Structure formats: C-alpha cells, structure tokens
Amino acid sequence: MTESATARYAMGYDDRERRRLQLQASIINPVTEQLLRRAGLGVGMRVLDVGSGVGDVAILAARIVGAAGSVTACDLDEKALAVLRERAASDGLPRAWRAAR
C-alpha cells in the first residue's frame, strides 16, 4: 500500500486497527443487522459494500441475501480483504460474496 493510500484513513492499516474494527462490530452487529433489514435488504439481492474493512457488514449482508444473492466488498487495505475472505469461508459464505480492490 502506498503512503498516500495510508494517509486516507486516519486510524491506519495495521493488524491492531483490524482487530479494533472487529471488536467494534461485535458490539454493534445486532443494530447493523436490524438497520440492513429495515432498509429492505433481503434474499437474492446484490450488495456493494464500499470501505469494507475486515468485512463485518459484508458478512451480515451475505447472511441476509443468502446463496441467491451476492456481496461485493471493496477496500484499499488488501490485508483486510484477506481477513474478510478467511472469515467468510469459515462462516460458510464463500459463494455469497466477492472481494474487490
């Protein structure tokens, strides 16, 4: 990642920040899921998650849209996308999303 890309996100692109994002999401995931459902997200839809980080919202969306839908997750941090790929696979969601930079 170039220095200019790093400067775009004040919290940085390192393992500590990725862990912080996951901890934060573990606290607010129930509210986020409720918001996605109230916004009308449902089975079979296609979702674009821009600024995905380690993928907490993308994974929630993938669970909601199911195998008939898809989620495309985008982030500048390729290591965060690698974490997303691992988490999605371990959650049994390898076909419900795509990661893109």
PDB file of N, CA and C in Angstrom:
ATOM      1  N   MET A   1       0.845  -1.162   0.000  1.00  0.00           N
ATOM      2  CA  MET A   1       0.000   0.000   0.000  1.00  0.00           C
ATOM      3  C   MET A   1       0.894   1.229   0.000  1.00  0.00           C
ATOM      4  N   THR A   2       0.568   2.225  -0.809  1.00  0.00           N
ATOM      5  CA  THR A   2       1.383   3.423  -0.902  1.00  0.00           C
ATOM      6  C   THR A   2       1.141   4.332   0.295  1.00  0.00           C
ATOM      7  N   GLU A   3       2.070   5.233   0.527  1.00  0.00           N
ATOM      8  CA  GLU A   3       1.930   6.169   1.641  1.00  0.00           C
ATOM      9  C   GLU A   3       0.694   7.042   1.472  1.00  0.00           C
ATOM     10  N   SER A   4       0.393   7.452   0.240  1.00  0.00           N
ATOM     11  CA  SER A   4      -0.788   8.289   0.021  1.00  0.00           C
ATOM     12  C   SER A   4      -2.071   7.534   0.349  1.00  0.00           C
ATOM     13  N   ALA A   5      -2.109   6.221   0.071  1.00  0.00           N
ATOM     14  CA  ALA A   5      -3.291   5.428   0.422  1.00  0.00           C
ATOM     15  C   ALA A   5      -3.418   5.313   1.935  1.00  0.00           C
ATOM     16  N   THR A   6      -2.286   5.144   2.635  1.00  0.00           N
ATOM     17  CA  THR A   6      -2.308   5.052   4.087  1.00  0.00           C
ATOM     18  C   THR A   6      -2.824   6.341   4.700  1.00  0.00           C
ATOM     19  N   ALA A   7      -2.467   7.458   4.112  1.00  0.00           N
ATOM     20  CA  ALA A   7      -2.881   8.751   4.640  1.00  0.00           C
ATOM     21  C   ALA A   7      -4.380   8.974   4.515  1.00  0.00           C
ATOM     22  N   ARG A   8      -5.069   8.204   3.715  1.00  0.00           N
ATOM     23  CA  ARG A   8      -6.510   8.392   3.514  1.00  0.00           C
ATOM     24  C   ARG A   8      -7.346   7.943   4.706  1.00  0.00           C
ATOM     25  N   TYR A   9      -6.832   7.091   5.542  1.00  0.00           N
ATOM     26  CA  TYR A   9      -7.589   6.579   6.675  1.00  0.00           C
ATOM     27  C   TYR A   9      -6.829   6.907   7.949  1.00  0.00           C
ATOM     28  N   ALA A  10      -7.388   7.774   8.758  1.00  0.00           N
ATOM     29  CA  ALA A  10      -6.695   8.305   9.933  1.00  0.00           C
ATOM     30  C   ALA A  10      -6.294   7.231  10.935  1.00  0.00           C
ATOM     31  N   MET A  11      -7.059   6.148  11.028  1.00  0.00           N
ATOM     32  CA  MET A  11      -6.776   5.114  12.022  1.00  0.00           C
ATOM     33  C   MET A  11      -5.684   4.153  11.567  1.00  0.00           C
ATOM     34  N   GLY A  12      -5.300   4.193  10.310  1.00  0.00           N
ATOM     35  CA  GLY A  12      -4.222   3.356   9.814  1.00  0.00           C
ATOM     36  C   GLY A  12      -4.677   2.009   9.292  1.00  0.00           C
ATOM     37  N   TYR A  13      -3.733   1.306   8.691  1.00  0.00           N
ATOM     38  CA  TYR A  13      -3.974  -0.008   8.096  1.00  0.00           C
ATOM     39  C   TYR A  13      -3.018  -1.011   8.715  1.00  0.00           C
ATOM     40  N   ASP A  14      -3.306  -1.438   9.933  1.00  0.00           N
ATOM     41  CA  ASP A  14      -2.445  -2.429  10.569  1.00  0.00           C
ATOM     42  C   ASP A  14      -3.309  -3.446  11.317  1.00  0.00           C
ATOM     43  N   ASP A  15      -2.655  -4.488  11.828  1.00  0.00           N
ATOM     44  CA  ASP A  15      -3.391  -5.560  12.498  1.00  0.00           C
ATOM     45  C   ASP A  15      -4.163  -5.055  13.714  1.00  0.00           C
ATOM     46  N   ARG A  16      -3.599  -4.108  14.431  1.00  0.00           N
ATOM     47  CA  ARG A  16      -4.288  -3.564  15.614  1.00  0.00           C
ATOM     48  C   ARG A  16      -5.601  -2.899  15.207  1.00  0.00           C
ATOM     49  N   GLU A  17      -5.565  -2.130  14.150  1.00  0.00           N
ATOM     50  CA  GLU A  17      -6.790  -1.466  13.681  1.00  0.00           C
ATOM     51  C   GLU A  17      -7.807  -2.486  13.178  1.00  0.00           C
ATOM     52  N   ARG A  18      -7.340  -3.522  12.506  1.00  0.00           N
ATOM     53  CA  ARG A  18      -8.258  -4.557  12.031  1.00  0.00           C
ATOM     54  C   ARG A  18      -8.943  -5.258  13.203  1.00  0.00           C
ATOM     55  N   ARG A  19      -8.195  -5.529  14.270  1.00  0.00           N
ATOM     56  CA  ARG A  19      -8.791  -6.137  15.468  1.00  0.00           C
ATOM     57  C   ARG A  19      -9.784  -5.171  16.119  1.00  0.00           C
ATOM     58  N   ARG A  20      -9.455  -3.887  16.154  1.00  0.00           N
ATOM     59  CA  ARG A  20     -10.352  -2.891  16.733  1.00  0.00           C
ATOM     60  C   ARG A  20     -11.669  -2.850  15.969  1.00  0.00           C
ATOM     61  N   LEU A  21     -11.590  -2.905  14.644  1.00  0.00           N
ATOM     62  CA  LEU A  21     -12.801  -2.902  13.826  1.00  0.00           C
ATOM     63  C   LEU A  21     -13.673  -4.123  14.124  1.00  0.00           C
ATOM     64  N   GLN A  22     -13.047  -5.284  14.287  1.00  0.00           N
ATOM     65  CA  GLN A  22     -13.808  -6.498  14.591  1.00  0.00           C
ATOM     66  C   GLN A  22     -14.461  -6.408  15.966  1.00  0.00           C
ATOM     67  N   LEU A  23     -13.757  -5.875  16.946  1.00  0.00           N
ATOM     68  CA  LEU A  23     -14.322  -5.714  18.286  1.00  0.00           C
ATOM     69  C   LEU A  23     -15.500  -4.743  18.251  1.00  0.00           C
ATOM     70  N   GLN A  24     -15.311  -3.635  17.588  1.00  0.00           N
ATOM     71  CA  GLN A  24     -16.377  -2.649  17.457  1.00  0.00           C
ATOM     72  C   GLN A  24     -17.607  -3.265  16.807  1.00  0.00           C
ATOM     73  N   ALA A  25     -17.396  -4.008  15.754  1.00  0.00           N
ATOM     74  CA  ALA A  25     -18.510  -4.635  15.042  1.00  0.00           C
ATOM     75  C   ALA A  25     -19.216  -5.672  15.912  1.00  0.00           C
ATOM     76  N   SER A  26     -18.457  -6.403  16.718  1.00  0.00           N
ATOM     77  CA  SER A  26     -19.094  -7.413  17.567  1.00  0.00           C
ATOM     78  C   SER A  26     -20.085  -6.772  18.531  1.00  0.00           C
ATOM     79  N   ILE A  27     -19.861  -5.527  18.866  1.00  0.00           N
ATOM     80  CA  ILE A  27     -20.761  -4.806  19.771  1.00  0.00           C
ATOM     81  C   ILE A  27     -21.987  -4.281  19.027  1.00  0.00           C
ATOM     82  N   ILE A  28     -21.788  -3.769  17.815  1.00  0.00           N
ATOM     83  CA  ILE A  28     -22.901  -3.114  17.120  1.00  0.00           C
ATOM     84  C   ILE A  28     -23.555  -3.957  16.020  1.00  0.00           C
ATOM     85  N   ASN A  29     -23.095  -5.196  15.818  1.00  0.00           N
ATOM     86  CA  ASN A  29     -23.676  -6.043  14.765  1.00  0.00           C
ATOM     87  C   ASN A  29     -25.185  -6.219  14.865  1.00  0.00           C
ATOM     88  N   PRO A  30     -25.766  -6.412  16.058  1.00  0.00           N
ATOM     89  CA  PRO A  30     -27.224  -6.554  16.106  1.00  0.00           C
ATOM     90  C   PRO A  30     -27.968  -5.331  15.573  1.00  0.00           C
ATOM     91  N   VAL A  31     -27.470  -4.156  15.890  1.00  0.00           N
ATOM     92  CA  VAL A  31     -28.089  -2.919  15.397  1.00  0.00           C
ATOM     93  C   VAL A  31     -27.876  -2.783  13.894  1.00  0.00           C
ATOM     94  N   THR A  32     -26.680  -3.136  13.424  1.00  0.00           N
ATOM     95  CA  THR A  32     -26.386  -3.063  11.996  1.00  0.00           C
ATOM     96  C   THR A  32     -27.274  -4.006  11.206  1.00  0.00           C
ATOM     97  N   GLU A  33     -27.447  -5.224  11.699  1.00  0.00           N
ATOM     98  CA  GLU A  33     -28.311  -6.183  11.005  1.00  0.00           C
ATOM     99  C   GLU A  33     -29.749  -5.673  10.951  1.00  0.00           C
ATOM    100  N   GLN A  34     -30.224  -5.144  12.050  1.00  0.00           N
ATOM    101  CA  GLN A  34     -31.586  -4.597  12.088  1.00  0.00           C
ATOM    102  C   GLN A  34     -31.729  -3.449  11.087  1.00  0.00           C
ATOM    103  N   LEU A  35     -30.726  -2.595  10.994  1.00  0.00           N
ATOM    104  CA  LEU A  35     -30.754  -1.478  10.046  1.00  0.00           C
ATOM    105  C   LEU A  35     -30.804  -1.980   8.606  1.00  0.00           C
ATOM    106  N   LEU A  36     -29.985  -2.989   8.288  1.00  0.00           N
ATOM    107  CA  LEU A  36     -29.974  -3.543   6.932  1.00  0.00           C
ATOM    108  C   LEU A  36     -31.344  -4.130   6.573  1.00  0.00           C
ATOM    109  N   ARG A  37     -31.934  -4.843   7.501  1.00  0.00           N
ATOM    110  CA  ARG A  37     -33.250  -5.441   7.242  1.00  0.00           C
ATOM    111  C   ARG A  37     -34.333  -4.365   7.098  1.00  0.00           C
ATOM    112  N   ARG A  38     -34.295  -3.357   7.950  1.00  0.00           N
ATOM    113  CA  ARG A  38     -35.275  -2.262   7.856  1.00  0.00           C
ATOM    114  C   ARG A  38     -35.112  -1.461   6.570  1.00  0.00           C
ATOM    115  N   ALA A  39     -33.891  -1.422   6.063  1.00  0.00           N
ATOM    116  CA  ALA A  39     -33.637  -0.717   4.802  1.00  0.00           C
ATOM    117  C   ALA A  39     -34.146  -1.511   3.602  1.00  0.00           C
ATOM    118  N   GLY A  40     -34.559  -2.758   3.849  1.00  0.00           N
ATOM    119  CA  GLY A  40     -35.130  -3.559   2.778  1.00  0.00           C
ATOM    120  C   GLY A  40     -34.229  -4.623   2.199  1.00  0.00           C
ATOM    121  N   LEU A  41     -33.055  -4.819   2.782  1.00  0.00           N
ATOM    122  CA  LEU A  41     -32.156  -5.855   2.275  1.00  0.00           C
ATOM    123  C   LEU A  41     -32.805  -7.220   2.478  1.00  0.00           C
ATOM    124  N   GLY A  42     -32.790  -8.025   1.413  1.00  0.00           N
ATOM    125  CA  GLY A  42     -33.444  -9.324   1.503  1.00  0.00           C
ATOM    126  C   GLY A  42     -32.789 -10.374   0.619  1.00  0.00           C
ATOM    127  N   VAL A  43     -33.343 -11.558   0.678  1.00  0.00           N
ATOM    128  CA  VAL A  43     -32.832 -12.716  -0.056  1.00  0.00           C
ATOM    129  C   VAL A  43     -32.737 -12.406  -1.551  1.00  0.00           C
ATOM    130  N   GLY A  44     -31.609 -12.802  -2.137  1.00  0.00           N
ATOM    131  CA  GLY A  44     -31.418 -12.680  -3.574  1.00  0.00           C
ATOM    132  C   GLY A  44     -30.895 -11.336  -4.055  1.00  0.00           C
ATOM    133  N   MET A  45     -30.739 -10.380  -3.166  1.00  0.00           N
ATOM    134  CA  MET A  45     -30.276  -9.049  -3.583  1.00  0.00           C
ATOM    135  C   MET A  45     -28.765  -9.042  -3.807  1.00  0.00           C
ATOM    136  N   ARG A  46     -28.313  -8.027  -4.521  1.00  0.00           N
ATOM    137  CA  ARG A  46     -26.885  -7.810  -4.738  1.00  0.00           C
ATOM    138  C   ARG A  46     -26.471  -6.581  -3.947  1.00  0.00           C
ATOM    139  N   VAL A  47     -25.347  -6.689  -3.242  1.00  0.00           N
ATOM    140  CA  VAL A  47     -24.895  -5.638  -2.330  1.00  0.00           C
ATOM    141  C   VAL A  47     -23.480  -5.218  -2.691  1.00  0.00           C
ATOM    142  N   LEU A  48     -23.224  -3.913  -2.624  1.00  0.00           N
ATOM    143  CA  LEU A  48     -21.875  -3.366  -2.760  1.00  0.00           C
ATOM    144  C   LEU A  48     -21.518  -2.716  -1.430  1.00  0.00           C
ATOM    145  N   ASP A  49     -20.477  -3.218  -0.778  1.00  0.00           N
ATOM    146  CA  ASP A  49     -20.004  -2.674   0.492  1.00  0.00           C
ATOM    147  C   ASP A  49     -18.678  -1.969   0.229  1.00  0.00           C
ATOM    148  N   VAL A  50     -18.700  -0.646   0.209  1.00  0.00           N
ATOM    149  CA  VAL A  50     -17.505   0.149  -0.072  1.00  0.00           C
ATOM    150  C   VAL A  50     -16.870   0.547   1.255  1.00  0.00           C
ATOM    151  N   GLY A  51     -15.570   0.304   1.371  1.00  0.00           N
ATOM    152  CA  GLY A  51     -14.869   0.562   2.622  1.00  0.00           C
ATOM    153  C   GLY A  51     -15.153  -0.543   3.618  1.00  0.00           C
ATOM    154  N   SER A  52     -15.068  -1.769   3.163  1.00  0.00           N
ATOM    155  CA  SER A  52     -15.486  -2.947   3.925  1.00  0.00           C
ATOM    156  C   SER A  52     -14.645  -3.252   5.147  1.00  0.00           C
ATOM    157  N   GLY A  53     -13.391  -2.835   5.131  1.00  0.00           N
ATOM    158  CA  GLY A  53     -12.523  -3.226   6.235  1.00  0.00           C
ATOM    159  C   GLY A  53     -12.409  -4.735   6.289  1.00  0.00           C
ATOM    160  N   VAL A  54     -12.586  -5.296   7.476  1.00  0.00           N
ATOM    161  CA  VAL A  54     -12.467  -6.745   7.651  1.00  0.00           C
ATOM    162  C   VAL A  54     -13.773  -7.471   7.381  1.00  0.00           C
ATOM    163  N   GLY A  55     -14.787  -6.752   6.939  1.00  0.00           N
ATOM    164  CA  GLY A  55     -15.973  -7.375   6.373  1.00  0.00           C
ATOM    165  C   GLY A  55     -17.164  -7.645   7.257  1.00  0.00           C
ATOM    166  N   ASP A  56     -17.247  -7.008   8.393  1.00  0.00           N
ATOM    167  CA  ASP A  56     -18.371  -7.317   9.280  1.00  0.00           C
ATOM    168  C   ASP A  56     -19.724  -7.021   8.646  1.00  0.00           C
ATOM    169  N   VAL A  57     -19.862  -5.876   7.998  1.00  0.00           N
ATOM    170  CA  VAL A  57     -21.132  -5.542   7.348  1.00  0.00           C
ATOM    171  C   VAL A  57     -21.345  -6.439   6.128  1.00  0.00           C
ATOM    172  N   ALA A  58     -20.287  -6.705   5.381  1.00  0.00           N
ATOM    173  CA  ALA A  58     -20.402  -7.580   4.212  1.00  0.00           C
ATOM    174  C   ALA A  58     -20.858  -8.980   4.618  1.00  0.00           C
ATOM    175  N   ILE A  59     -20.348  -9.492   5.724  1.00  0.00           N
ATOM    176  CA  ILE A  59     -20.740 -10.821   6.187  1.00  0.00           C
ATOM    177  C   ILE A  59     -22.196 -10.824   6.645  1.00  0.00           C
ATOM    178  N   LEU A  60     -22.604  -9.789   7.369  1.00  0.00           N
ATOM    179  CA  LEU A  60     -24.020  -9.681   7.753  1.00  0.00           C
ATOM    180  C   LEU A  60     -24.903  -9.653   6.514  1.00  0.00           C
ATOM    181  N   ALA A  61     -24.511  -8.839   5.536  1.00  0.00           N
ATOM    182  CA  ALA A  61     -25.298  -8.733   4.303  1.00  0.00           C
ATOM    183  C   ALA A  61     -25.346 -10.063   3.578  1.00  0.00           C
ATOM    184  N   ALA A  62     -24.232 -10.785   3.543  1.00  0.00           N
ATOM    185  CA  ALA A  62     -24.192 -12.089   2.861  1.00  0.00           C
ATOM    186  C   ALA A  62     -25.139 -13.089   3.517  1.00  0.00           C
ATOM    187  N   ARG A  63     -25.212 -13.037   4.835  1.00  0.00           N
ATOM    188  CA  ARG A  63     -26.153 -13.937   5.532  1.00  0.00           C
ATOM    189  C   ARG A  63     -27.588 -13.606   5.160  1.00  0.00           C
ATOM    190  N   ILE A  64     -27.875 -12.320   5.013  1.00  0.00           N
ATOM    191  CA  ILE A  64     -29.242 -11.901   4.695  1.00  0.00           C
ATOM    192  C   ILE A  64     -29.604 -12.241   3.253  1.00  0.00           C
ATOM    193  N   VAL A  65     -28.725 -11.949   2.299  1.00  0.00           N
ATOM    194  CA  VAL A  65     -29.064 -12.171   0.886  1.00  0.00           C
ATOM    195  C   VAL A  65     -28.995 -13.641   0.503  1.00  0.00           C
ATOM    196  N   GLY A  66     -28.256 -14.429   1.269  1.00  0.00           N
ATOM    197  CA  GLY A  66     -28.183 -15.860   1.027  1.00  0.00           C
ATOM    198  C   GLY A  66     -27.453 -16.220  -0.256  1.00  0.00           C
ATOM    199  N   ALA A  67     -27.506 -17.483  -0.594  1.00  0.00           N
ATOM    200  CA  ALA A  67     -26.787 -18.001  -1.761  1.00  0.00           C
ATOM    201  C   ALA A  67     -27.346 -17.457  -3.069  1.00  0.00           C
ATOM    202  N   ALA A  68     -28.598 -17.024  -3.055  1.00  0.00           N
ATOM    203  CA  ALA A  68     -29.204 -16.473  -4.271  1.00  0.00           C
ATOM    204  C   ALA A  68     -28.737 -15.050  -4.550  1.00  0.00           C
ATOM    205  N   GLY A  69     -28.161 -14.389  -3.557  1.00  0.00           N
ATOM    206  CA  GLY A  69     -27.669 -13.022  -3.723  1.00  0.00           C
ATOM    207  C   GLY A  69     -26.161 -12.991  -3.778  1.00  0.00           C
ATOM    208  N   SER A  70     -25.606 -11.786  -3.766  1.00  0.00           N
ATOM    209  CA  SER A  70     -24.155 -11.648  -3.752  1.00  0.00           C
ATOM    210  C   SER A  70     -23.766 -10.365  -3.047  1.00  0.00           C
ATOM    211  N   VAL A  71     -22.557 -10.367  -2.523  1.00  0.00           N
ATOM    212  CA  VAL A  71     -21.998  -9.191  -1.875  1.00  0.00           C
ATOM    213  C   VAL A  71     -20.622  -8.951  -2.472  1.00  0.00           C
ATOM    214  N   THR A  72     -20.385  -7.736  -2.916  1.00  0.00           N
ATOM    215  CA  THR A  72     -19.065  -7.330  -3.372  1.00  0.00           C
ATOM    216  C   THR A  72     -18.503  -6.377  -2.329  1.00  0.00           C
ATOM    217  N   ALA A  73     -17.375  -6.733  -1.754  1.00  0.00           N
ATOM    218  CA  ALA A  73     -16.734  -5.947  -0.715  1.00  0.00           C
ATOM    219  C   ALA A  73     -15.498  -5.268  -1.285  1.00  0.00           C
ATOM    220  N   CYS A  74     -15.390  -3.964  -1.086  1.00  0.00           N
ATOM    221  CA  CYS A  74     -14.250  -3.192  -1.609  1.00  0.00           C
ATOM    222  C   CYS A  74     -13.523  -2.496  -0.468  1.00  0.00           C
ATOM    223  N   ASP A  75     -12.209  -2.499  -0.523  1.00  0.00           N
ATOM    224  CA  ASP A  75     -11.408  -1.773   0.453  1.00  0.00           C
ATOM    225  C   ASP A  75     -10.019  -1.546  -0.131  1.00  0.00           C
ATOM    226  N   LEU A  76      -9.359  -0.479   0.312  1.00  0.00           N
ATOM    227  CA  LEU A  76      -7.985  -0.211  -0.115  1.00  0.00           C
ATOM    228  C   LEU A  76      -6.995  -1.156   0.558  1.00  0.00           C
ATOM    229  N   ASP A  77      -7.355  -1.658   1.734  1.00  0.00           N
ATOM    230  CA  ASP A  77      -6.469  -2.497   2.530  1.00  0.00           C
ATOM    231  C   ASP A  77      -6.601  -3.960   2.106  1.00  0.00           C
ATOM    232  N   GLU A  78      -5.637  -4.429   1.326  1.00  0.00           N
ATOM    233  CA  GLU A  78      -5.697  -5.806   0.835  1.00  0.00           C
ATOM    234  C   GLU A  78      -5.605  -6.829   1.957  1.00  0.00           C
ATOM    235  N   LYS A  79      -4.909  -6.508   3.035  1.00  0.00           N
ATOM    236  CA  LYS A  79      -4.836  -7.435   4.168  1.00  0.00           C
ATOM    237  C   LYS A  79      -6.203  -7.560   4.843  1.00  0.00           C
ATOM    238  N   ALA A  80      -6.939  -6.464   4.909  1.00  0.00           N
ATOM    239  CA  ALA A  80      -8.297  -6.526   5.467  1.00  0.00           C
ATOM    240  C   ALA A  80      -9.180  -7.412   4.597  1.00  0.00           C
ATOM    241  N   LEU A  81      -9.039  -7.316   3.283  1.00  0.00           N
ATOM    242  CA  LEU A  81      -9.817  -8.168   2.393  1.00  0.00           C
ATOM    243  C   LEU A  81      -9.436  -9.638   2.557  1.00  0.00           C
ATOM    244  N   ALA A  82      -8.163  -9.903   2.838  1.00  0.00           N
ATOM    245  CA  ALA A  82      -7.734 -11.285   3.095  1.00  0.00           C
ATOM    246  C   ALA A  82      -8.398 -11.807   4.368  1.00  0.00           C
ATOM    247  N   VAL A  83      -8.496 -10.954   5.388  1.00  0.00           N
ATOM    248  CA  VAL A  83      -9.191 -11.340   6.621  1.00  0.00           C
ATOM    249  C   VAL A  83     -10.655 -11.626   6.307  1.00  0.00           C
ATOM    250  N   LEU A  84     -11.262 -10.781   5.494  1.00  0.00           N
ATOM    251  CA  LEU A  84     -12.657 -10.985   5.086  1.00  0.00           C
ATOM    252  C   LEU A  84     -12.832 -12.330   4.389  1.00  0.00           C
ATOM    253  N   ARG A  85     -11.948 -12.650   3.467  1.00  0.00           N
ATOM    254  CA  ARG A  85     -12.045 -13.933   2.755  1.00  0.00           C
ATOM    255  C   ARG A  85     -11.999 -15.109   3.725  1.00  0.00           C
ATOM    256  N   GLU A  86     -11.055 -15.062   4.678  1.00  0.00           N
ATOM    257  CA  GLU A  86     -10.930 -16.132   5.667  1.00  0.00           C
ATOM    258  C   GLU A  86     -12.182 -16.238   6.521  1.00  0.00           C
ATOM    259  N   ARG A  87     -12.684 -15.106   7.002  1.00  0.00           N
ATOM    260  CA  ARG A  87     -13.864 -15.107   7.865  1.00  0.00           C
ATOM    261  C   ARG A  87     -15.084 -15.619   7.116  1.00  0.00           C
ATOM    262  N   ALA A  88     -15.256 -15.183   5.886  1.00  0.00           N
ATOM    263  CA  ALA A  88     -16.410 -15.623   5.100  1.00  0.00           C
ATOM    264  C   ALA A  88     -16.344 -17.130   4.851  1.00  0.00           C
ATOM    265  N   ALA A  89     -15.174 -17.624   4.520  1.00  0.00           N
ATOM    266  CA  ALA A  89     -15.021 -19.061   4.278  1.00  0.00           C
ATOM    267  C   ALA A  89     -15.303 -19.857   5.548  1.00  0.00           C
ATOM    268  N   SER A  90     -14.802 -19.383   6.690  1.00  0.00           N
ATOM    269  CA  SER A  90     -15.027 -20.120   7.942  1.00  0.00           C
ATOM    270  C   SER A  90     -16.486 -20.039   8.381  1.00  0.00           C
ATOM    271  N   ASP A  91     -17.204 -19.013   7.928  1.00  0.00           N
ATOM    272  CA  ASP A  91     -18.643 -18.890   8.219  1.00  0.00           C
ATOM    273  C   ASP A  91     -19.503 -19.608   7.186  1.00  0.00           C
ATOM    274  N   GLY A  92     -18.851 -20.270   6.210  1.00  0.00           N
ATOM    275  CA  GLY A  92     -19.607 -20.980   5.187  1.00  0.00           C
ATOM    276  C   GLY A  92     -20.225 -20.057   4.149  1.00  0.00           C
ATOM    277  N   LEU A  93     -19.609 -18.910   3.910  1.00  0.00           N
ATOM    278  CA  LEU A  93     -20.144 -17.933   2.963  1.00  0.00           C
ATOM    279  C   LEU A  93     -19.252 -17.703   1.748  1.00  0.00           C
ATOM    280  N   PRO A  94     -18.483 -18.670   1.295  1.00  0.00           N
ATOM    281  CA  PRO A  94     -17.543 -18.398   0.201  1.00  0.00           C
ATOM    282  C   PRO A  94     -18.213 -18.048  -1.118  1.00  0.00           C
ATOM    283  N   ARG A  95     -19.461 -18.437  -1.323  1.00  0.00           N
ATOM    284  CA  ARG A  95     -20.119 -18.157  -2.602  1.00  0.00           C
ATOM    285  C   ARG A  95     -21.031 -16.936  -2.540  1.00  0.00           C
ATOM    286  N   ALA A  96     -21.251 -16.391  -1.375  1.00  0.00           N
ATOM    287  CA  ALA A  96     -22.219 -15.313  -1.215  1.00  0.00           C
ATOM    288  C   ALA A  96     -21.604 -13.930  -1.394  1.00  0.00           C
ATOM    289  N   TRP A  97     -20.308 -13.845  -1.692  1.00  0.00           N
ATOM    290  CA  TRP A  97     -19.675 -12.530  -1.794  1.00  0.00           C
ATOM    291  C   TRP A  97     -18.449 -12.597  -2.683  1.00  0.00           C
ATOM    292  N   ARG A  98     -18.000 -11.456  -3.084  1.00  0.00           N
ATOM    293  CA  ARG A  98     -16.733 -11.310  -3.816  1.00  0.00           C
ATOM    294  C   ARG A  98     -15.993 -10.133  -3.191  1.00  0.00           C
ATOM    295  N   ALA A  99     -14.690 -10.208  -3.124  1.00  0.00           N
ATOM    296  CA  ALA A  99     -13.897  -9.089  -2.621  1.00  0.00           C
ATOM    297  C   ALA A  99     -13.186  -8.435  -3.802  1.00  0.00           C
ATOM    298  N   ALA A 100     -13.196  -7.136  -3.836  1.00  0.00           N
ATOM    299  CA  ALA A 100     -12.561  -6.397  -4.927  1.00  0.00           C
ATOM    300  C   ALA A 100     -11.822  -5.210  -4.362  1.00  0.00           C
ATOM    301  N   ARG A 101     -10.756  -4.846  -5.016  1.00  0.00           N
ATOM    302  CA  ARG A 101      -9.996  -3.663  -4.576  1.00  0.00           C
ATOM    303  C   ARG A 101     -10.223  -2.580  -5.571  1.00  0.00           C
TER     304      ARG A 101
END
